Protein backbone atom coordinates (compact mmCIF):
# COMPACT_ATOMS: atom_id res chain seq x y z
CA MET A 1 0.55 11.77 -15.73
CA SER A 2 0.20 8.89 -18.17
CA ASN A 3 -2.96 6.86 -18.63
CA TYR A 4 -2.52 4.80 -15.50
CA LYS A 5 -5.60 2.64 -16.18
CA ILE A 6 -3.71 0.77 -18.89
CA LYS A 7 -1.05 -0.15 -16.34
CA LEU A 8 -3.66 -1.36 -13.83
CA SER A 9 -4.32 -4.41 -16.01
CA LYS A 10 -0.67 -5.49 -15.56
CA ILE A 11 -0.65 -5.12 -11.77
CA LYS A 12 -0.34 -8.40 -9.84
CA ALA A 13 0.56 -7.09 -6.37
CA PHE A 14 0.52 -4.04 -4.12
CA ALA A 15 3.05 -2.42 -1.80
CA PHE A 16 2.37 0.47 0.55
CA ASP A 17 4.04 2.80 2.99
CA VAL A 18 2.10 3.22 6.26
CA ASP A 19 2.38 6.70 7.77
CA GLY A 20 0.77 9.19 5.41
CA VAL A 21 -0.81 6.41 3.32
CA PHE A 22 -2.78 4.14 5.66
CA THR A 23 -2.80 6.99 8.19
CA ASP A 24 -3.07 10.75 7.97
CA GLY A 25 0.54 10.93 9.15
CA THR A 26 -0.33 11.66 12.77
CA VAL A 27 1.55 9.51 15.27
CA LEU A 28 0.69 9.78 18.95
CA ALA A 29 3.44 8.86 21.41
CA THR A 30 2.43 7.43 24.78
CA GLU A 31 4.40 7.78 28.02
CA THR A 32 5.76 4.26 27.49
CA GLY A 33 7.01 5.11 24.00
CA ASP A 34 4.30 3.25 22.10
CA LEU A 35 3.25 4.95 18.90
CA LEU A 36 -0.47 5.03 18.14
CA ARG A 37 -1.88 5.29 14.62
CA SER A 38 -5.42 5.53 13.31
CA HIS A 39 -6.27 3.42 10.25
CA ASN A 40 -9.23 3.63 7.87
CA ALA A 41 -11.39 0.46 7.99
CA LYS A 42 -12.25 0.77 4.28
CA ASP A 43 -8.54 0.62 3.41
CA GLY A 44 -8.22 -2.51 5.54
CA PHE A 45 -11.24 -4.08 3.83
CA ALA A 46 -9.70 -3.46 0.41
CA VAL A 47 -6.38 -5.02 1.45
CA ARG A 48 -8.24 -8.08 2.73
CA LYS A 49 -10.19 -8.30 -0.53
CA ALA A 50 -6.97 -8.07 -2.59
CA ILE A 51 -5.40 -10.88 -0.55
CA ILE A 52 -8.48 -13.08 -0.97
CA GLN A 53 -8.29 -12.45 -4.74
CA GLY A 54 -4.67 -13.64 -4.82
CA PHE A 55 -2.83 -10.31 -4.93
CA PRO A 56 0.21 -10.26 -2.62
CA VAL A 57 0.39 -7.11 -0.48
CA ALA A 58 3.48 -5.65 1.16
CA ILE A 59 3.92 -3.01 3.82
CA ILE A 60 7.26 -1.21 3.52
CA THR A 61 7.60 1.36 6.28
CA GLY A 62 10.20 3.18 8.27
CA GLY A 63 7.99 2.59 11.30
CA ALA A 64 9.13 0.08 13.89
CA SER A 65 6.04 -0.42 16.05
CA GLU A 66 4.80 -3.95 16.60
CA SER A 67 1.27 -2.48 16.36
CA ILE A 68 1.86 -2.21 12.60
CA VAL A 69 2.44 -5.95 12.39
CA LYS A 70 -0.64 -6.67 14.50
CA ARG A 71 -2.87 -4.38 12.43
CA PHE A 72 -1.97 -6.01 9.14
CA ALA A 73 -1.94 -9.55 10.53
CA LEU A 74 -5.58 -8.97 11.56
CA ILE A 75 -6.53 -8.47 7.92
CA GLY A 76 -4.66 -11.52 6.73
CA MET A 77 -1.26 -10.29 5.65
CA ASP A 78 1.72 -12.64 5.76
CA ARG A 79 4.22 -11.44 8.39
CA ASN A 80 7.02 -11.89 5.83
CA ASP A 81 5.40 -9.18 3.68
CA ILE A 82 5.57 -6.57 6.45
CA TYR A 83 8.88 -4.70 6.34
CA LEU A 84 9.55 -2.49 9.36
CA LYS A 85 12.43 -0.02 9.88
CA SER A 86 12.75 0.29 6.12
CA ASN A 87 14.35 3.68 5.67
CA TYR A 88 15.91 2.72 2.32
CA LYS A 89 13.01 0.81 0.82
CA ILE A 90 14.35 -0.56 -2.48
CA PRO A 91 15.98 -3.74 -1.02
CA ASP A 92 12.74 -4.65 0.80
CA PHE A 93 10.69 -3.96 -2.34
CA ILE A 94 13.01 -6.22 -4.36
CA ASP A 95 12.81 -8.92 -1.68
CA PHE A 96 9.00 -8.81 -1.84
CA CYS A 97 9.11 -9.12 -5.65
CA GLU A 98 11.55 -12.03 -5.55
CA ARG A 99 9.63 -13.89 -2.85
CA HIS A 100 6.44 -13.68 -4.91
CA LYS A 101 8.15 -14.19 -8.29
CA LEU A 102 7.07 -10.76 -9.49
CA GLN A 103 8.75 -8.25 -11.73
CA PRO A 104 8.87 -4.74 -10.22
CA ASP A 105 6.67 -3.49 -13.08
CA GLU A 106 3.88 -5.82 -11.88
CA VAL A 107 3.62 -4.05 -8.52
CA LEU A 108 1.66 -0.90 -7.69
CA PHE A 109 3.34 1.13 -4.94
CA MET A 110 1.79 3.95 -2.96
CA GLY A 111 3.96 6.33 -0.97
CA ASP A 112 3.66 9.88 0.25
CA ASP A 113 7.10 11.22 1.18
CA ILE A 114 10.78 11.42 0.25
CA PRO A 115 11.78 7.91 1.51
CA ASP A 116 9.28 6.42 -0.98
CA ILE A 117 10.75 7.99 -4.12
CA GLY A 118 13.20 5.17 -4.90
CA VAL A 119 10.46 2.53 -4.99
CA LEU A 120 8.07 4.86 -6.80
CA LYS A 121 10.64 5.13 -9.61
CA LEU A 122 11.15 1.35 -9.73
CA CYS A 123 7.60 -0.03 -9.48
CA GLY A 124 5.10 -0.67 -12.23
CA LEU A 125 2.64 2.01 -11.17
CA ALA A 126 3.66 4.88 -8.89
CA THR A 127 0.73 6.23 -6.87
CA CYS A 128 0.26 8.57 -3.95
CA PRO A 129 -2.42 10.08 -1.70
CA ALA A 130 -3.86 13.51 -2.48
CA ASP A 131 -1.80 15.07 0.30
CA ALA A 132 1.59 13.59 -0.62
CA VAL A 133 4.60 15.90 -0.75
CA SER A 134 5.17 17.70 -4.05
CA GLU A 135 8.28 15.66 -4.95
CA VAL A 136 6.21 12.46 -4.76
CA LYS A 137 3.29 13.95 -6.70
CA GLU A 138 5.68 14.96 -9.49
CA ILE A 139 6.74 11.36 -10.15
CA SER A 140 3.42 9.61 -9.44
CA GLU A 141 1.40 8.37 -12.36
CA TYR A 142 -1.78 8.45 -10.31
CA ILE A 143 -2.64 10.80 -7.46
CA SER A 144 -5.64 9.55 -5.49
CA LEU A 145 -8.48 11.94 -4.84
CA TYR A 146 -8.26 10.82 -1.21
CA PRO A 147 -5.65 11.88 1.34
CA GLY A 148 -3.64 9.50 3.50
CA GLY A 149 -5.74 7.64 6.05
CA LYS A 150 -8.95 8.61 4.28
CA GLY A 151 -9.41 5.93 1.62
CA CYS A 152 -6.51 6.32 -0.81
CA VAL A 153 -5.51 2.65 -0.38
CA ARG A 154 -9.07 1.50 -1.05
CA ASP A 155 -9.12 3.75 -4.11
CA VAL A 156 -6.15 2.11 -5.87
CA ILE A 157 -7.00 -1.45 -4.84
CA GLU A 158 -10.64 -1.14 -5.90
CA GLN A 159 -9.68 0.33 -9.28
CA THR A 160 -7.16 -2.46 -9.86
CA LEU A 161 -9.50 -5.28 -8.85
CA LYS A 162 -12.26 -3.83 -11.03
CA ILE A 163 -9.93 -3.79 -14.06
CA HIS A 164 -9.17 -7.47 -13.33
CA ASN A 165 -12.88 -8.28 -12.83
CA LYS A 166 -12.11 -9.32 -9.26
CA TRP A 167 -14.09 -6.69 -7.37
CA ASN A 168 -17.59 -7.76 -6.47
CA THR A 169 -20.18 -6.74 -3.94
CA ASP A 170 -21.35 -10.21 -2.90
CA PRO A 171 -20.72 -10.37 0.88
CA GLU A 172 -20.49 -14.19 0.71
CA THR A 173 -17.23 -13.92 -1.25
CA TYR A 174 -15.57 -11.97 1.55
CA SER A 175 -13.96 -14.83 3.39
CA GLY A 176 -10.72 -16.72 3.53
């Protein structure tokens, strides 16, 4: 792994997979076919904080559940930055970059499994949860100490915002 902290200062946006990153990878299927996921509130708080600080955030997932859209809309994400059914993720990643006038090397991406490898090789800082598959760990420049669904998203966002002097603990600044 390289010194990823140097790259954090160049990061202007974030993109994340969902299952195995925001969740522990467990998906419960109901009788009606709905898929239920459990998300970490601290990860959601960090995403909200990044958005408030002006960092665009994308969700690029193979998942197709409308509950994904609802979860991220609740924390302030733009619906256009939520890419569902994204099995080949590079075109959606490029669309996100173009829409926000970003270069791929200005975006931190976190993924945990084989479908994420293409974007991990293209982005500015490739990151993954502690429990990512070995192929993803091999190409990631930063492996969080936290597993998927247990704070790995908060970890990378907090580190990035701190490098940019945009992480604070004043509860009055958490609005927007």
